[in-house]
N, C-alpha and C. Protein backbone atom coordinates (compact mmCIF):
# COMPACT_ATOMS: atom_id res chain seq x y z
N MET A 1 70.00 61.26 71.19
CA MET A 1 71.56 60.14 70.26
C MET A 1 71.40 59.30 69.86
N GLU A 2 71.89 58.96 69.21
CA GLU A 2 71.71 57.72 68.45
C GLU A 2 72.43 56.65 69.31
N PHE A 3 72.19 55.52 68.79
CA PHE A 3 72.54 54.55 69.89
C PHE A 3 72.83 53.41 68.64
N PHE A 4 74.00 52.24 69.01
CA PHE A 4 74.06 51.43 68.41
C PHE A 4 74.20 49.82 69.18
N ASN A 5 73.99 48.59 67.81
CA ASN A 5 74.32 47.72 68.77
C ASN A 5 75.18 46.69 68.94
N LEU A 6 76.10 47.39 69.62
CA LEU A 6 77.82 46.94 69.54
C LEU A 6 78.44 45.52 69.20
N ILE A 7 77.15 44.24 69.78
CA ILE A 7 77.45 42.88 69.07
C ILE A 7 77.15 42.87 67.51
N GLU A 8 75.90 43.87 66.86
CA GLU A 8 76.40 43.61 66.06
C GLU A 8 77.45 44.01 65.11
N MET A 9 78.64 44.42 65.72
CA MET A 9 79.75 45.13 65.02
C MET A 9 80.64 44.08 65.33
N ILE A 10 80.08 44.10 66.82
CA ILE A 10 81.38 43.27 66.58
C ILE A 10 81.71 41.45 65.88
N VAL A 11 80.07 40.96 65.73
CA VAL A 11 79.83 39.22 64.92
C VAL A 11 80.24 40.34 63.44
N LYS A 12 80.20 41.37 62.85
CA LYS A 12 80.78 41.71 61.63
C LYS A 12 82.19 41.33 61.83
N ASP A 13 82.90 41.70 62.46
CA ASP A 13 83.82 41.89 62.78
C ASP A 13 84.22 40.37 62.25
N ILE A 14 83.73 39.41 63.61
CA ILE A 14 84.30 38.71 63.26
C ILE A 14 84.14 37.32 62.39
N VAL A 15 82.94 37.72 61.71
CA VAL A 15 82.27 36.49 60.68
C VAL A 15 83.42 37.17 59.34
N ASP A 16 83.94 38.54 59.56
CA ASP A 16 84.74 38.37 58.55
C ASP A 16 86.17 37.97 58.71
N GLU A 17 86.72 38.24 60.15
CA GLU A 17 88.21 37.70 60.20
C GLU A 17 87.88 36.12 59.41
N VAL A 18 86.67 35.40 59.91
CA VAL A 18 87.05 34.05 60.23
C VAL A 18 86.89 33.61 58.55
N LEU A 19 85.97 34.26 57.95
CA LEU A 19 86.13 33.91 56.33
C LEU A 19 87.12 34.30 55.58
N ALA A 20 87.94 35.48 56.15
CA ALA A 20 89.23 35.84 55.55
C ALA A 20 90.62 34.89 55.83
N LYS A 21 89.74 33.94 57.16
CA LYS A 21 91.61 33.46 57.47
C LYS A 21 91.54 31.96 57.18
N GLU A 22 90.60 31.26 56.15
CA GLU A 22 90.77 30.09 56.10
C GLU A 22 90.20 29.59 54.68
N GLU A 23 91.13 29.27 53.68
CA GLU A 23 91.03 29.03 51.94
C GLU A 23 89.74 28.39 51.70
N ASP A 24 89.35 27.33 53.32
CA ASP A 24 88.52 26.24 52.35
C ASP A 24 86.98 26.88 52.58
N PHE A 25 86.88 28.88 53.07
CA PHE A 25 85.51 28.76 53.39
C PHE A 25 85.08 29.75 52.18
N LYS A 26 86.66 29.69 51.08
CA LYS A 26 85.86 31.18 50.05
C LYS A 26 84.96 30.54 49.06
N ASN A 27 83.88 29.25 49.37
CA ASN A 27 83.15 29.02 48.37
C ASN A 27 81.92 29.48 49.34
N ILE A 28 81.45 30.08 50.95
CA ILE A 28 80.72 30.41 51.41
C ILE A 28 80.78 31.48 51.58
N LYS A 29 81.14 32.39 51.21
CA LYS A 29 81.63 34.37 51.25
C LYS A 29 79.86 34.44 50.86
N PHE A 30 79.61 34.02 49.85
CA PHE A 30 78.44 34.45 49.81
C PHE A 30 76.97 33.98 50.27
N HIS A 31 77.53 33.71 51.45
CA HIS A 31 76.73 33.57 52.51
C HIS A 31 76.98 34.87 53.87
N ARG A 32 77.70 35.28 53.60
CA ARG A 32 78.11 36.35 54.73
C ARG A 32 76.73 36.88 55.60
N ASN A 33 75.97 37.22 54.46
CA ASN A 33 74.94 37.97 55.98
C ASN A 33 73.95 37.11 56.47
N ASP A 34 73.64 36.01 55.46
CA ASP A 34 73.25 34.77 56.36
C ASP A 34 73.83 34.90 57.61
N ILE A 35 75.24 34.31 57.43
CA ILE A 35 75.25 34.27 58.84
C ILE A 35 75.91 35.19 59.77
N ILE A 36 76.15 36.17 59.70
CA ILE A 36 76.08 36.81 60.51
C ILE A 36 74.53 37.44 61.17
N ALA A 37 73.29 37.28 60.69
CA ALA A 37 71.79 36.78 60.77
C ALA A 37 71.67 35.71 61.67
N TYR A 38 72.49 34.53 61.32
CA TYR A 38 72.56 33.93 62.52
C TYR A 38 73.24 33.37 63.87
N VAL A 39 73.75 34.24 63.16
CA VAL A 39 74.78 34.58 65.34
C VAL A 39 74.23 35.13 65.93
N LEU A 40 73.59 36.33 65.23
CA LEU A 40 72.50 37.46 66.07
C LEU A 40 71.68 37.03 66.72
N ASN A 41 70.91 36.38 65.96
CA ASN A 41 69.63 35.72 66.29
C ASN A 41 70.20 34.65 67.54
N ARG A 42 71.34 34.40 67.80
CA ARG A 42 71.36 33.21 68.85
C ARG A 42 72.28 33.64 70.16
N VAL A 43 72.81 35.67 70.52
CA VAL A 43 73.59 36.57 71.47
C VAL A 43 72.64 37.57 71.98
N PRO A 44 72.82 37.88 72.82
CA PRO A 44 71.77 39.07 73.30
C PRO A 44 72.42 40.58 72.88
N PRO A 45 71.82 41.57 72.72
CA PRO A 45 72.64 42.66 71.86
C PRO A 45 72.91 43.37 73.18
N ARG A 46 73.93 44.00 73.25
CA ARG A 46 74.23 45.40 73.28
C ARG A 46 74.36 46.44 73.34
N TYR A 47 73.44 47.56 73.59
CA TYR A 47 73.25 48.84 72.77
C TYR A 47 74.15 49.52 74.10
N VAL A 48 74.79 50.60 73.03
CA VAL A 48 75.96 51.66 73.87
C VAL A 48 75.55 52.70 72.63
N THR A 49 75.43 53.91 73.70
CA THR A 49 75.46 55.67 72.60
C THR A 49 76.71 56.39 72.59
N GLY A 50 77.53 56.75 71.34
CA GLY A 50 78.08 57.44 71.95
C GLY A 50 79.56 56.62 71.12
N GLU A 51 80.56 57.11 70.60
CA GLU A 51 81.76 56.55 70.41
C GLU A 51 82.12 56.39 71.55
N ARG A 52 82.02 56.81 72.82
CA ARG A 52 82.92 56.60 73.87
C ARG A 52 81.90 55.28 74.32
N GLY A 53 80.79 55.11 74.41
CA GLY A 53 80.33 53.82 75.20
C GLY A 53 80.66 52.83 74.44
N ILE A 54 81.26 53.47 73.14
CA ILE A 54 81.27 52.06 71.98
C ILE A 54 82.94 51.61 72.56
N ILE A 55 83.35 52.70 72.32
CA ILE A 55 85.30 52.53 72.96
C ILE A 55 85.33 51.59 74.28
N HIS A 56 84.38 51.81 75.49
CA HIS A 56 84.51 51.37 76.83
C HIS A 56 84.33 50.06 76.73
N SER A 57 82.96 49.65 76.27
CA SER A 57 82.35 48.54 75.90
C SER A 57 83.36 47.48 74.95
N ARG A 58 84.03 47.80 73.93
CA ARG A 58 84.71 46.97 73.98
C ARG A 58 86.42 46.28 74.35
N ILE A 59 86.60 47.46 75.40
CA ILE A 59 87.58 47.00 76.34
C ILE A 59 86.97 45.68 77.31
N ASP A 60 86.28 46.31 77.52
CA ASP A 60 85.08 45.34 78.57
C ASP A 60 86.35 43.80 78.33
N PRO A 61 86.53 43.69 79.50
CA PRO A 61 87.90 42.11 79.66
C PRO A 61 86.05 40.89 79.64
N ARG A 62 85.41 41.27 80.20
CA ARG A 62 84.08 40.09 80.22
C ARG A 62 84.04 39.92 78.44
N LEU A 63 83.22 41.26 77.84
CA LEU A 63 83.25 41.20 76.43
C LEU A 63 84.07 39.91 75.54
N LYS A 64 85.34 40.69 76.40
CA LYS A 64 86.49 40.14 75.04
C LYS A 64 86.40 38.41 75.04
N TYR A 65 86.21 38.21 76.43
CA TYR A 65 86.13 36.64 76.79
C TYR A 65 85.07 35.85 76.44
N GLN A 66 84.24 36.06 77.35
CA GLN A 66 82.92 35.43 77.17
C GLN A 66 82.27 35.72 75.91
N GLU A 67 82.44 36.77 75.77
CA GLU A 67 80.84 37.42 74.54
C GLU A 67 81.65 36.56 73.20
N HIS A 68 82.88 36.83 73.19
CA HIS A 68 83.55 36.76 72.12
C HIS A 68 83.56 34.99 71.76
N THR A 69 84.15 34.23 72.32
CA THR A 69 83.51 32.94 72.37
C THR A 69 83.02 32.57 72.28
N ASP A 70 81.72 32.97 72.26
CA ASP A 70 80.25 32.41 71.72
C ASP A 70 79.82 32.99 70.18
N ILE A 71 80.61 34.26 70.49
CA ILE A 71 80.41 34.47 69.22
C ILE A 71 81.36 33.23 67.78
N LEU A 72 82.55 33.40 68.41
CA LEU A 72 83.08 32.36 67.32
C LEU A 72 83.00 31.12 67.35
N PHE A 73 82.29 30.97 68.50
CA PHE A 73 81.24 29.50 68.29
C PHE A 73 80.21 29.83 67.74
N LEU A 74 79.55 30.38 67.37
CA LEU A 74 78.68 30.13 66.77
C LEU A 74 78.51 30.70 65.10
N THR A 75 79.44 31.56 65.10
CA THR A 75 80.76 31.59 63.68
C THR A 75 80.95 30.81 62.81
N TYR A 76 81.60 29.48 63.50
CA TYR A 76 81.56 28.16 63.19
C TYR A 76 80.59 27.57 62.58
N GLU A 77 80.07 27.27 63.54
CA GLU A 77 78.23 26.28 63.50
C GLU A 77 77.85 27.25 62.41
N ALA A 78 77.14 28.37 62.38
CA ALA A 78 76.77 28.77 61.06
C ALA A 78 77.74 27.97 59.90
N ILE A 79 78.28 29.03 59.75
CA ILE A 79 79.88 28.69 58.38
C ILE A 79 79.49 26.68 58.11
N GLY A 80 79.28 25.97 58.95
CA GLY A 80 79.13 24.51 58.97
C GLY A 80 77.34 24.29 58.11
N LEU A 81 77.13 25.26 58.25
CA LEU A 81 75.17 24.73 57.83
C LEU A 81 75.19 25.29 56.48
N PHE A 82 76.29 26.50 55.77
CA PHE A 82 75.60 27.13 55.20
C PHE A 82 76.82 26.76 53.87
N ALA A 83 77.36 25.76 54.79
CA ALA A 83 78.54 25.69 53.43
C ALA A 83 78.12 23.90 52.41
N LYS A 84 78.03 24.32 51.72
CA LYS A 84 77.04 23.82 50.62
C LYS A 84 77.89 22.64 50.01
N ARG A 85 78.81 23.01 49.96
CA ARG A 85 79.82 22.09 48.96
C ARG A 85 80.24 20.79 50.13
N ARG A 86 80.02 21.16 51.16
CA ARG A 86 80.37 19.89 52.34
C ARG A 86 78.73 19.19 53.04
N ALA A 87 77.66 19.60 52.51
CA ALA A 87 76.13 18.82 52.53
C ALA A 87 76.12 17.59 52.49
N THR A 88 76.85 16.85 51.70
CA THR A 88 77.28 15.31 52.09
C THR A 88 78.04 15.05 52.68
N GLU A 89 79.25 15.76 53.25
CA GLU A 89 79.79 15.52 54.30
C GLU A 89 78.71 15.50 55.76
N ILE A 90 78.01 16.63 55.80
CA ILE A 90 77.04 16.84 57.21
C ILE A 90 76.50 16.00 56.80
N ASP A 91 75.91 15.43 56.27
CA ASP A 91 74.52 14.75 56.22
C ASP A 91 75.20 12.97 57.28
N GLU A 92 76.28 12.66 56.45
CA GLU A 92 76.86 11.37 57.13
C GLU A 92 77.79 11.10 58.40
N ASN A 93 78.08 12.65 58.59
CA ASN A 93 78.36 12.86 59.90
C ASN A 93 77.32 13.02 60.87
N ARG A 94 75.99 13.44 60.79
CA ARG A 94 74.63 13.58 61.31
C ARG A 94 74.37 11.83 61.59
N SER A 95 74.65 11.34 60.59
CA SER A 95 74.69 9.46 61.01
C SER A 95 75.17 9.13 61.64
N GLU A 96 76.49 8.90 61.56
CA GLU A 96 77.45 8.49 63.01
C GLU A 96 76.96 8.76 63.65
N THR A 97 76.86 10.20 63.50
CA THR A 97 76.74 11.05 65.48
C THR A 97 75.77 10.06 66.30
N GLU A 98 74.21 9.82 65.43
CA GLU A 98 73.35 9.10 66.25
C GLU A 98 73.63 7.78 66.73
N LYS A 99 74.06 7.28 65.52
CA LYS A 99 75.02 5.79 65.95
C LYS A 99 75.80 5.91 67.60
N LEU A 100 76.84 7.21 67.67
CA LEU A 100 77.03 7.15 68.99
C LEU A 100 76.42 7.55 70.87
N SER A 101 77.30 6.53 71.56
CA SER A 101 76.34 6.81 72.90
C SER A 101 77.30 7.94 73.65
N GLY A 102 77.63 8.55 73.09
CA GLY A 102 78.48 10.00 73.74
C GLY A 102 79.05 11.59 72.90
N LEU A 103 78.86 11.95 73.17
CA LEU A 103 79.84 13.28 73.45
C LEU A 103 80.75 14.04 73.33
N ILE A 104 82.15 14.71 72.48
CA ILE A 104 82.53 15.39 73.61
C ILE A 104 82.14 16.74 73.25
N PRO A 105 82.35 17.73 74.74
CA PRO A 105 82.20 18.76 74.39
C PRO A 105 82.36 19.74 73.35
N HIS A 106 82.46 21.05 72.75
CA HIS A 106 83.01 21.49 71.97
C HIS A 106 84.35 22.10 72.97
N MET A 107 85.73 22.84 72.75
CA MET A 107 86.49 23.10 73.33
C MET A 107 86.77 24.26 72.76
N ILE A 108 87.37 25.41 73.33
CA ILE A 108 87.71 26.80 73.62
C ILE A 108 88.48 27.52 74.29
N GLY A 109 89.25 28.23 74.14
CA GLY A 109 90.34 28.74 74.91
C GLY A 109 91.42 29.88 74.14
N GLU A 110 91.97 30.63 75.18
CA GLU A 110 93.18 31.68 74.68
C GLU A 110 94.02 31.66 75.00
N VAL A 111 94.98 31.89 74.50
CA VAL A 111 96.25 31.29 74.45
C VAL A 111 97.27 32.86 74.06
N LEU A 112 97.89 33.66 75.11
CA LEU A 112 99.23 34.83 75.32
C LEU A 112 100.41 34.54 75.42
N GLU A 113 101.23 35.81 74.91
CA GLU A 113 102.28 35.50 75.31
C GLU A 113 102.44 36.27 76.39
N GLU A 114 103.27 36.33 77.94
CA GLU A 114 102.81 35.96 79.59
C GLU A 114 103.35 37.69 80.21
N THR A 115 103.59 37.94 78.87
CA THR A 115 104.01 39.68 79.40
C THR A 115 103.52 40.60 79.50
N THR A 116 103.12 40.61 77.86
CA THR A 116 102.83 41.92 77.21
C THR A 116 101.41 41.51 76.60
N LEU A 117 100.85 40.31 76.98
CA LEU A 117 99.20 39.19 76.59
C LEU A 117 99.07 39.79 75.22
N SER A 118 100.41 39.52 74.56
CA SER A 118 99.89 39.77 73.18
C SER A 118 99.19 38.62 72.16
N ILE A 119 99.00 38.41 71.30
CA ILE A 119 98.16 37.41 70.26
C ILE A 119 99.74 36.53 69.90
N ILE A 120 99.80 35.62 70.20
CA ILE A 120 101.18 34.51 68.80
C ILE A 120 100.63 34.46 67.89
N PRO A 121 101.45 34.74 66.30
CA PRO A 121 100.52 34.89 64.86
C PRO A 121 101.45 32.91 65.05
N ASP A 122 101.09 32.23 64.19
CA ASP A 122 101.54 30.77 63.74
C ASP A 122 101.81 29.73 64.88
N LEU A 123 101.17 30.20 65.57
CA LEU A 123 101.14 28.84 66.86
C LEU A 123 100.60 27.55 66.92
N LYS A 124 101.77 26.39 67.05
CA LYS A 124 100.84 25.51 66.76
C LYS A 124 100.05 24.85 67.85
N ILE A 125 98.99 24.57 67.65
CA ILE A 125 98.48 23.83 69.28
C ILE A 125 97.40 22.86 68.69
N THR A 126 98.06 21.63 69.40
CA THR A 126 97.43 20.38 69.51
C THR A 126 96.89 19.60 69.90
N LEU A 127 95.40 19.21 70.00
CA LEU A 127 94.74 18.11 71.36
C LEU A 127 95.13 17.41 71.09
N LEU A 128 96.23 16.40 72.29
CA LEU A 128 96.25 15.20 72.26
C LEU A 128 95.42 14.16 72.85
N TYR A 129 95.00 12.91 72.45
CA TYR A 129 94.59 12.11 73.03
C TYR A 129 95.61 10.67 73.17
N GLU A 130 95.71 10.36 74.06
CA GLU A 130 96.62 9.00 74.19
C GLU A 130 97.53 9.60 73.68
N ASP A 131 98.52 10.29 73.32
CA ASP A 131 99.68 10.89 72.98
C ASP A 131 99.40 11.09 71.14
N LYS A 132 98.32 10.71 70.96
CA LYS A 132 98.26 10.87 69.71
C LYS A 132 97.35 11.83 69.31
N PRO A 133 97.21 13.09 68.37
CA PRO A 133 96.51 13.99 67.88
C PRO A 133 94.95 13.62 67.78
N ALA A 134 93.99 13.84 68.32
CA ALA A 134 92.66 13.77 68.66
C ALA A 134 91.85 13.93 67.32
N GLU A 135 90.87 12.76 67.16
CA GLU A 135 90.45 12.58 65.59
C GLU A 135 89.56 13.54 66.24
N MET A 136 89.17 14.34 64.99
CA MET A 136 88.15 15.76 65.63
C MET A 136 86.23 15.19 64.71
N MET A 137 85.81 15.75 65.15
CA MET A 137 84.49 15.46 64.22
C MET A 137 84.34 15.74 63.19
N ASP A 138 85.35 16.69 62.22
CA ASP A 138 84.38 15.88 61.18
C ASP A 138 85.90 17.21 60.70
N LEU A 139 85.62 17.40 59.42
CA LEU A 139 86.96 17.93 58.60
C LEU A 139 87.52 19.07 58.91
N GLY A 140 85.80 20.40 59.25
CA GLY A 140 86.21 21.19 59.62
C GLY A 140 86.35 22.60 60.76
N TRP A 141 86.89 21.00 62.06
CA TRP A 141 87.70 21.26 62.70
C TRP A 141 89.09 20.81 62.89
N LYS A 142 89.69 21.51 62.60
CA LYS A 142 91.59 21.38 62.30
C LYS A 142 91.92 20.89 63.80
N ASN A 143 92.94 20.25 63.67
CA ASN A 143 93.75 19.85 64.69
C ASN A 143 95.20 18.60 64.25
N PRO A 144 96.24 19.46 64.34
CA PRO A 144 96.59 20.83 65.01
C PRO A 144 95.77 22.45 64.26
N TYR A 145 95.44 22.67 65.60
CA TYR A 145 95.38 23.77 65.03
C TYR A 145 96.14 25.09 64.58
N ILE A 146 96.67 25.96 63.36
CA ILE A 146 97.73 27.11 63.53
C ILE A 146 96.85 28.46 64.12
N ALA A 147 97.40 29.32 64.88
CA ALA A 147 96.57 30.06 65.56
C ALA A 147 97.02 31.35 64.91
N ALA A 148 96.34 32.72 64.70
CA ALA A 148 96.74 33.83 63.80
C ALA A 148 96.10 35.09 64.72
N LYS A 149 96.27 36.30 64.05
CA LYS A 149 96.02 37.54 64.44
C LYS A 149 94.00 37.53 64.37
N ALA A 150 94.30 36.94 63.57
CA ALA A 150 93.41 36.39 63.17
C ALA A 150 92.31 36.26 63.77
N THR A 151 91.77 34.96 64.74
CA THR A 151 91.37 34.29 65.48
C THR A 151 91.83 35.18 66.92
N ARG A 152 92.74 36.33 66.93
CA ARG A 152 92.69 37.30 68.28
C ARG A 152 93.23 36.16 69.29
N GLY A 153 93.53 34.99 68.82
CA GLY A 153 95.00 33.86 70.01
C GLY A 153 93.75 32.95 70.49
N TYR A 154 92.34 32.69 70.10
CA TYR A 154 90.78 31.84 70.53
C TYR A 154 91.66 30.79 69.87
N PHE A 155 91.60 29.28 70.62
CA PHE A 155 91.49 28.40 69.46
C PHE A 155 90.31 27.79 69.75
N HIS A 156 90.24 26.14 69.01
CA HIS A 156 89.13 25.48 69.51
C HIS A 156 89.47 24.35 69.09
N PHE A 157 88.35 23.30 69.65
CA PHE A 157 88.80 21.89 69.12
C PHE A 157 87.24 21.84 69.41
N TRP A 158 86.99 20.24 68.34
CA TRP A 158 86.05 19.30 68.95
C TRP A 158 86.12 17.80 68.99
N PRO A 159 86.95 17.33 69.41
CA PRO A 159 87.17 15.96 68.97
C PRO A 159 85.75 14.75 68.94
N ARG A 160 85.92 13.95 68.47
CA ARG A 160 85.45 13.36 68.42
C ARG A 160 85.25 12.12 69.45
N TYR A 161 84.40 11.66 69.37
CA TYR A 161 83.82 10.26 70.98
C TYR A 161 84.33 9.16 69.89
N ILE A 162 84.69 8.58 70.71
CA ILE A 162 85.45 7.15 70.31
C ILE A 162 84.64 6.16 71.16
N ASP A 163 84.13 5.10 70.77
CA ASP A 163 83.05 4.67 71.55
C ASP A 163 83.69 3.06 72.96
N ASP A 164 84.57 3.15 71.89
CA ASP A 164 85.63 1.26 72.12
C ASP A 164 86.64 2.02 73.22
N LYS A 165 86.97 3.59 72.42
CA LYS A 165 88.47 3.84 74.15
C LYS A 165 87.53 4.40 75.19
N MET A 166 86.23 5.12 74.78
CA MET A 166 86.41 6.34 75.82
C MET A 166 84.74 6.26 76.46
N GLY A 167 83.99 4.79 76.26
CA GLY A 167 83.41 4.65 76.72
C GLY A 167 82.73 3.72 78.00
N ALA A 168 83.87 3.22 79.02
CA ALA A 168 84.68 2.74 79.80
C ALA A 168 84.33 4.09 80.86
N ASP A 169 84.27 5.41 81.07
CA ASP A 169 84.69 6.23 81.97
C ASP A 169 83.83 7.34 81.57
N ASP A 170 83.13 8.00 82.47
CA ASP A 170 82.31 9.50 82.42
C ASP A 170 83.58 10.93 81.94
N HIS A 171 84.23 10.67 81.99
CA HIS A 171 85.33 11.54 81.76
C HIS A 171 86.89 11.22 80.98
N VAL A 172 86.40 12.01 79.90
CA VAL A 172 87.96 11.92 79.37
C VAL A 172 88.52 12.98 79.36
N GLU A 173 90.16 12.59 79.50
CA GLU A 173 90.86 13.17 79.84
C GLU A 173 92.05 13.67 78.44
N PHE A 174 92.31 14.91 77.70
CA PHE A 174 92.75 15.35 76.94
C PHE A 174 94.35 15.79 77.30
N GLN A 175 95.20 16.05 76.05
CA GLN A 175 96.39 16.99 76.36
C GLN A 175 96.31 18.03 75.43
N ILE A 176 96.64 18.96 75.91
CA ILE A 176 96.86 20.59 74.79
C ILE A 176 98.58 20.90 74.51
N LYS A 177 98.81 20.69 73.37
CA LYS A 177 100.41 20.99 73.26
C LYS A 177 100.72 22.26 72.69
N PHE A 178 101.42 23.54 73.10
CA PHE A 178 101.66 24.87 72.17
C PHE A 178 102.82 24.40 71.88
N GLU A 179 103.80 24.73 70.46
CA GLU A 179 104.67 24.58 69.93
C GLU A 179 104.82 26.14 69.15
N HIS A 180 105.56 26.92 68.84
CA HIS A 180 106.23 27.82 68.22
C HIS A 180 108.07 27.31 68.63
N PRO A 181 108.94 28.21 67.76
CA PRO A 181 110.12 28.41 67.81
C PRO A 181 110.53 29.40 68.39
N ARG A 182 109.64 30.28 68.96
CA ARG A 182 111.07 31.49 69.50
C ARG A 182 110.36 32.02 70.88
N PHE A 183 109.20 30.33 70.99
CA PHE A 183 108.34 29.85 72.67
C PHE A 183 108.96 28.52 73.11
N GLU A 184 109.05 29.20 74.34
CA GLU A 184 109.59 27.76 75.18
C GLU A 184 108.04 26.83 74.96
N PRO A 185 108.12 25.55 74.91
CA PRO A 185 106.81 24.48 74.79
C PRO A 185 106.30 24.31 75.61
N ARG A 186 104.94 24.26 75.83
CA ARG A 186 104.19 23.67 76.93
C ARG A 186 103.07 23.18 77.02
N SER A 187 102.52 22.31 77.79
CA SER A 187 101.72 21.32 77.84
C SER A 187 100.12 21.62 78.77
N VAL A 188 99.35 20.87 78.27
CA VAL A 188 98.35 21.28 79.45
C VAL A 188 97.09 20.26 79.50
N LYS A 189 96.91 19.41 80.77
CA LYS A 189 96.07 17.84 81.10
C LYS A 189 94.77 19.00 80.54
N VAL A 190 93.56 18.91 79.96
CA VAL A 190 92.15 19.09 79.75
C VAL A 190 91.20 17.64 80.59
N ARG A 191 90.46 17.77 81.33
CA ARG A 191 89.35 16.37 82.29
C ARG A 191 88.59 16.77 81.14
N THR A 192 87.74 16.24 80.92
CA THR A 192 86.15 17.05 80.30
C THR A 192 85.47 15.44 79.94
N LYS A 193 84.33 16.37 80.46
CA LYS A 193 82.82 15.24 81.32
C LYS A 193 82.42 14.53 79.51
N VAL A 194 81.56 13.54 79.48
CA VAL A 194 81.37 12.85 78.20
C VAL A 194 79.57 13.38 78.03
N ASN A 195 79.50 14.37 76.99
CA ASN A 195 77.59 14.50 77.43
C ASN A 195 77.15 13.62 76.59
N LYS A 196 75.61 13.28 77.21
CA LYS A 196 74.76 12.83 76.23
C LYS A 196 74.68 13.31 74.37
N LYS A 197 74.60 12.09 73.93
CA LYS A 197 74.64 12.14 72.37
C LYS A 197 73.75 13.27 72.04
N ASN A 198 72.64 13.66 72.71
CA ASN A 198 71.71 14.93 71.72
C ASN A 198 72.29 15.80 72.64
N ASP A 199 72.98 16.38 73.56
CA ASP A 199 74.10 17.46 73.87
C ASP A 199 74.60 18.18 72.92
N LEU A 200 74.71 18.30 71.81
CA LEU A 200 75.19 19.52 71.09
C LEU A 200 75.99 20.98 71.26
N GLY A 201 75.03 21.79 72.05
CA GLY A 201 75.95 22.36 72.79
C GLY A 201 76.89 22.66 73.10
N ASN A 202 77.07 21.69 74.42
CA ASN A 202 77.58 22.25 75.43
C ASN A 202 79.48 22.50 74.96
N THR A 203 79.59 23.56 75.64
CA THR A 203 81.53 23.98 75.35
C THR A 203 82.45 24.28 76.80
N GLN A 204 83.25 23.65 76.53
CA GLN A 204 83.98 23.29 77.54
C GLN A 204 85.27 24.98 77.12
N SER A 205 85.28 26.08 78.56
CA SER A 205 85.94 27.33 77.98
C SER A 205 87.38 26.51 78.89
N ILE A 206 88.44 26.81 78.78
CA ILE A 206 89.60 25.95 78.79
C ILE A 206 90.09 27.21 79.54
N PRO A 207 90.59 27.05 80.65
CA PRO A 207 91.27 28.52 81.37
C PRO A 207 92.77 29.61 80.32
N LEU A 208 92.58 30.55 80.53
CA LEU A 208 93.79 31.34 79.55
C LEU A 208 95.16 30.88 79.91
N ILE A 209 96.09 30.22 79.02
CA ILE A 209 97.11 30.26 78.75
C ILE A 209 98.15 31.13 77.82
N LEU A 210 98.80 31.38 79.25
CA LEU A 210 100.20 31.90 78.87
C LEU A 210 101.89 31.35 78.12
N LEU A 211 101.97 31.89 77.41
CA LEU A 211 103.80 31.04 77.12
C LEU A 211 104.79 32.05 77.15
N LYS A 212 105.96 31.34 77.28
CA LYS A 212 106.78 32.06 78.14
C LYS A 212 108.24 32.29 76.56
N LEU A 213 108.36 33.22 76.65
CA LEU A 213 109.64 33.47 75.02
C LEU A 213 111.02 32.89 75.98
N LYS A 214 111.49 32.55 74.28
CA LYS A 214 112.65 31.57 74.90
C LYS A 214 113.52 32.32 75.50
N GLU A 215 114.94 32.44 76.38
CA GLU A 215 116.00 33.00 76.72
C GLU A 215 116.39 33.39 75.17
N GLY A 216 116.00 34.84 75.76
CA GLY A 216 116.77 35.81 74.65
C GLY A 216 116.07 36.13 73.48
N VAL A 217 115.10 35.91 73.12
CA VAL A 217 114.14 36.48 72.51
C VAL A 217 112.67 37.52 72.80
N THR A 218 113.46 38.54 72.29
CA THR A 218 112.46 39.68 72.48
C THR A 218 111.13 39.36 71.57
N SER A 219 110.07 40.40 72.36
CA SER A 219 109.06 40.45 72.31
C SER A 219 108.15 40.98 70.95
N ASP A 220 109.47 41.71 70.51
CA ASP A 220 108.84 43.25 69.34
C ASP A 220 108.36 42.36 68.44
N PHE A 221 108.41 41.35 67.81
CA PHE A 221 108.05 41.03 66.54
C PHE A 221 106.38 40.17 66.67
N LEU A 222 105.79 40.36 68.42
CA LEU A 222 104.36 40.27 68.41
C LEU A 222 104.01 41.37 68.14
N THR A 223 104.58 42.49 68.03
CA THR A 223 103.70 43.73 67.93
C THR A 223 103.51 44.47 66.30
N LYS A 224 104.80 43.19 65.98
CA LYS A 224 104.22 44.43 64.71
C LYS A 224 103.16 44.11 63.08
N ASP A 225 103.28 44.57 62.17
CA ASP A 225 101.30 44.28 61.91
C ASP A 225 101.89 43.05 60.41
């Protein structure tokens, strides 16, 4: 019986979605296969047999969240490595990072509509520190972040550690603000531990966020292509 590496299929889908959604990524699409190989070398395979096995595994909620989160993070990590147009910028950021006494973990989470668990397009998500948009590690990390169907409801941030403001504590508190004209605004607090400067691989998963539609607004628009 023929078998398939389900993770390979999912990685290809995610890489293509990420490369397609960002105008800034158009110059590195020729690295698509390199990015896919980079991610596949860092996630365990999952083999299934037949079409039924593929369908069953792809709707497994554990796969949907944890492995998707890992693959999405690794995809952006690979893009950063292969983006030659930013080679000088990356070198400069690396030098600056070596001077830092700590690092904030990468943050990744998921936000959906609360009754249908639908993806919310054009949702503005802002990571705040001291009531202002938090500074990111480099230009590859957007803040505010605009969620889209291509990212399946996931959002991510990598805030920059600011020594003179954050150096006094082992933990830093942020606020994540969600804004959409058809939804009730919502904010959640996130408290994160400061890593040592060499802990580049740490990621903080944010619990699932559910947003409520404003009174009188139906969810029909969420199911339209």
